[in-house]
């Protein structure tokens, strides 16, 4: 157990943290893992990019070409 704790403490970083998850009950394990993922995603403050009218038009043209029958 000491070696395990030592390994976690010395290999976890801010960029690549370890998350020690209890595995006694699958439902609880899944809850802990999903919560960690949700918290990380929220911390990234992701958002859809804003497009200029020209970029939107170019995307429309590309979509039309890709969805055209026989393409």
N, C-alpha and C. Protein backbone atom coordinates (compact mmCIF):
# COMPACT_ATOMS: atom_id res chain seq x y z
N UNK A 1 0.83 -1.19 0.00
CA UNK A 1 0.00 0.00 0.00
C UNK A 1 0.88 1.26 0.00
N UNK A 2 1.97 1.21 0.72
CA UNK A 2 2.87 2.37 0.76
C UNK A 2 3.44 2.67 -0.62
N UNK A 3 3.84 1.62 -1.33
CA UNK A 3 4.39 1.80 -2.68
C UNK A 3 3.34 2.40 -3.61
N UNK A 4 2.11 1.94 -3.49
CA UNK A 4 1.01 2.45 -4.31
C UNK A 4 0.80 3.95 -4.04
N UNK A 5 0.72 4.31 -2.77
CA UNK A 5 0.52 5.72 -2.41
C UNK A 5 1.70 6.57 -2.87
N UNK A 6 2.90 6.05 -2.72
CA UNK A 6 4.10 6.76 -3.14
C UNK A 6 4.08 7.00 -4.65
N UNK A 7 3.69 5.99 -5.42
CA UNK A 7 3.63 6.10 -6.87
C UNK A 7 2.61 7.18 -7.29
N UNK A 8 1.44 7.16 -6.69
CA UNK A 8 0.41 8.14 -7.04
C UNK A 8 0.89 9.55 -6.70
N UNK A 9 1.46 9.74 -5.55
CA UNK A 9 1.92 11.06 -5.12
C UNK A 9 3.05 11.59 -6.00
N UNK A 10 3.89 10.71 -6.52
CA UNK A 10 5.04 11.16 -7.29
C UNK A 10 4.81 11.20 -8.80
N UNK A 11 3.69 10.69 -9.25
CA UNK A 11 3.44 10.71 -10.69
C UNK A 11 2.27 11.60 -11.08
N UNK A 12 1.44 11.98 -10.16
CA UNK A 12 0.32 12.87 -10.46
C UNK A 12 0.83 14.30 -10.62
N UNK A 13 0.36 14.96 -11.66
CA UNK A 13 0.73 16.36 -11.88
C UNK A 13 -0.55 17.15 -12.11
N UNK A 14 -0.42 18.47 -12.15
CA UNK A 14 -1.58 19.31 -12.41
C UNK A 14 -2.16 19.03 -13.79
N UNK A 15 -1.29 18.77 -14.77
CA UNK A 15 -1.74 18.48 -16.13
C UNK A 15 -2.27 17.06 -16.28
N UNK A 16 -1.76 16.15 -15.48
CA UNK A 16 -2.16 14.74 -15.58
C UNK A 16 -2.37 14.18 -14.18
N UNK A 17 -3.48 14.57 -13.55
CA UNK A 17 -3.72 14.11 -12.18
C UNK A 17 -4.20 12.66 -12.13
N UNK A 18 -3.94 12.01 -11.04
CA UNK A 18 -4.51 10.71 -10.78
C UNK A 18 -5.83 10.92 -10.03
N UNK A 19 -6.77 10.06 -10.31
CA UNK A 19 -8.02 10.04 -9.55
C UNK A 19 -8.17 8.62 -9.01
N UNK A 20 -8.01 8.48 -7.72
CA UNK A 20 -8.17 7.17 -7.09
C UNK A 20 -9.66 6.98 -6.84
N UNK A 21 -10.20 5.93 -7.45
CA UNK A 21 -11.65 5.71 -7.44
C UNK A 21 -11.96 4.40 -6.73
N UNK A 22 -12.86 4.44 -5.76
CA UNK A 22 -13.23 3.19 -5.10
C UNK A 22 -13.99 2.30 -6.09
N UNK A 23 -13.74 1.01 -6.01
CA UNK A 23 -14.37 0.09 -6.97
C UNK A 23 -15.25 -0.95 -6.29
N UNK A 24 -15.66 -0.68 -5.07
CA UNK A 24 -16.49 -1.64 -4.34
C UNK A 24 -17.89 -1.78 -4.93
N UNK A 25 -18.40 -0.68 -5.44
CA UNK A 25 -19.75 -0.67 -6.02
C UNK A 25 -19.69 0.02 -7.37
N UNK A 26 -20.08 -0.70 -8.43
CA UNK A 26 -19.95 -0.16 -9.78
C UNK A 26 -20.69 1.17 -9.94
N UNK A 27 -21.89 1.27 -9.37
CA UNK A 27 -22.67 2.50 -9.55
C UNK A 27 -21.93 3.69 -8.96
N UNK A 28 -21.27 3.49 -7.81
CA UNK A 28 -20.55 4.58 -7.18
C UNK A 28 -19.28 4.92 -7.95
N UNK A 29 -18.59 3.88 -8.43
CA UNK A 29 -17.40 4.10 -9.26
C UNK A 29 -17.75 4.95 -10.47
N UNK A 30 -18.83 4.58 -11.15
CA UNK A 30 -19.25 5.33 -12.34
C UNK A 30 -19.64 6.76 -12.00
N UNK A 31 -20.27 6.95 -10.85
CA UNK A 31 -20.64 8.29 -10.41
C UNK A 31 -19.40 9.15 -10.18
N UNK A 32 -18.39 8.60 -9.50
CA UNK A 32 -17.16 9.34 -9.22
C UNK A 32 -16.43 9.69 -10.52
N UNK A 33 -16.33 8.73 -11.43
CA UNK A 33 -15.62 8.96 -12.69
C UNK A 33 -16.36 10.00 -13.53
N UNK A 34 -17.68 9.86 -13.65
CA UNK A 34 -18.44 10.83 -14.46
C UNK A 34 -18.38 12.23 -13.86
N UNK A 35 -18.37 12.32 -12.55
CA UNK A 35 -18.26 13.63 -11.90
C UNK A 35 -16.90 14.26 -12.19
N UNK A 36 -15.84 13.47 -12.15
CA UNK A 36 -14.50 14.00 -12.45
C UNK A 36 -14.43 14.49 -13.89
N UNK A 37 -15.02 13.75 -14.81
CA UNK A 37 -15.02 14.15 -16.21
C UNK A 37 -15.81 15.43 -16.41
N UNK A 38 -16.98 15.51 -15.82
CA UNK A 38 -17.82 16.71 -15.95
C UNK A 38 -17.10 17.93 -15.38
N UNK A 39 -16.49 17.79 -14.22
CA UNK A 39 -15.78 18.92 -13.62
C UNK A 39 -14.63 19.39 -14.51
N UNK A 40 -13.90 18.45 -15.09
CA UNK A 40 -12.79 18.83 -15.96
C UNK A 40 -13.30 19.54 -17.21
N UNK A 41 -14.35 19.00 -17.82
CA UNK A 41 -14.91 19.64 -19.01
C UNK A 41 -15.40 21.05 -18.71
N UNK A 42 -16.05 21.23 -17.59
CA UNK A 42 -16.53 22.57 -17.21
C UNK A 42 -15.36 23.52 -16.99
N UNK A 43 -14.27 23.03 -16.44
CA UNK A 43 -13.14 23.90 -16.16
C UNK A 43 -12.45 24.37 -17.44
N UNK A 44 -12.66 23.68 -18.55
CA UNK A 44 -12.05 24.06 -19.82
C UNK A 44 -12.74 25.26 -20.46
N UNK A 45 -13.97 25.55 -20.01
CA UNK A 45 -14.74 26.69 -20.53
C UNK A 45 -14.81 26.67 -22.06
N UNK A 46 -15.19 25.51 -22.58
CA UNK A 46 -15.31 25.33 -24.02
C UNK A 46 -16.51 26.08 -24.57
N UNK A 47 -16.42 26.51 -25.82
CA UNK A 47 -17.54 27.17 -26.47
C UNK A 47 -17.42 26.97 -27.98
N UNK A 48 -18.55 27.09 -28.64
CA UNK A 48 -18.53 26.99 -30.09
C UNK A 48 -17.86 28.22 -30.67
N UNK A 49 -17.11 28.05 -31.74
CA UNK A 49 -16.46 29.22 -32.35
C UNK A 49 -17.49 30.12 -33.01
N UNK A 50 -17.20 31.40 -33.05
CA UNK A 50 -18.05 32.33 -33.79
C UNK A 50 -17.49 32.45 -35.20
N UNK A 51 -18.39 32.48 -36.17
CA UNK A 51 -17.99 32.53 -37.56
C UNK A 51 -18.42 33.84 -38.20
N UNK A 52 -17.61 34.30 -39.12
CA UNK A 52 -17.97 35.48 -39.90
C UNK A 52 -18.98 35.05 -40.96
N UNK A 53 -19.71 35.99 -41.53
CA UNK A 53 -20.65 35.63 -42.60
C UNK A 53 -19.97 34.89 -43.76
N UNK A 54 -18.75 35.28 -44.12
CA UNK A 54 -18.03 34.59 -45.20
C UNK A 54 -17.72 33.14 -44.83
N UNK A 55 -17.33 32.92 -43.58
CA UNK A 55 -17.03 31.56 -43.13
C UNK A 55 -18.30 30.69 -43.14
N UNK A 56 -19.42 31.27 -42.70
CA UNK A 56 -20.69 30.54 -42.73
C UNK A 56 -21.07 30.17 -44.16
N UNK A 57 -20.87 31.09 -45.07
CA UNK A 57 -21.18 30.83 -46.47
C UNK A 57 -20.29 29.71 -47.01
N UNK A 58 -19.00 29.75 -46.70
CA UNK A 58 -18.08 28.71 -47.15
C UNK A 58 -18.46 27.35 -46.59
N UNK A 59 -18.90 27.31 -45.34
CA UNK A 59 -19.34 26.05 -44.76
C UNK A 59 -20.60 25.54 -45.46
N UNK A 60 -21.49 26.45 -45.80
CA UNK A 60 -22.71 26.05 -46.52
C UNK A 60 -22.38 25.44 -47.88
N UNK A 61 -21.43 26.04 -48.57
CA UNK A 61 -21.00 25.51 -49.87
C UNK A 61 -20.37 24.13 -49.69
N UNK A 62 -19.51 23.98 -48.71
CA UNK A 62 -18.86 22.69 -48.45
C UNK A 62 -19.89 21.63 -48.09
N UNK A 63 -20.87 21.98 -47.25
CA UNK A 63 -21.91 21.04 -46.86
C UNK A 63 -22.71 20.59 -48.09
N UNK A 64 -23.05 21.54 -48.94
CA UNK A 64 -23.81 21.20 -50.15
C UNK A 64 -23.02 20.25 -51.03
N UNK A 65 -21.72 20.49 -51.17
CA UNK A 65 -20.89 19.61 -51.99
C UNK A 65 -20.80 18.20 -51.38
N UNK A 66 -20.69 18.13 -50.08
CA UNK A 66 -20.54 16.84 -49.43
C UNK A 66 -21.84 16.04 -49.40
N UNK A 67 -22.96 16.70 -49.39
CA UNK A 67 -24.24 15.99 -49.30
C UNK A 67 -24.92 15.82 -50.66
N UNK A 68 -24.29 16.32 -51.70
CA UNK A 68 -24.87 16.19 -53.04
C UNK A 68 -24.96 14.71 -53.41
N UNK A 69 -26.06 14.31 -54.07
CA UNK A 69 -26.23 12.91 -54.50
C UNK A 69 -25.08 12.50 -55.41
N UNK A 70 -24.60 11.28 -55.21
CA UNK A 70 -23.54 10.74 -56.04
C UNK A 70 -22.15 11.16 -55.60
N UNK A 71 -22.05 11.96 -54.56
CA UNK A 71 -20.74 12.43 -54.11
C UNK A 71 -20.08 11.40 -53.24
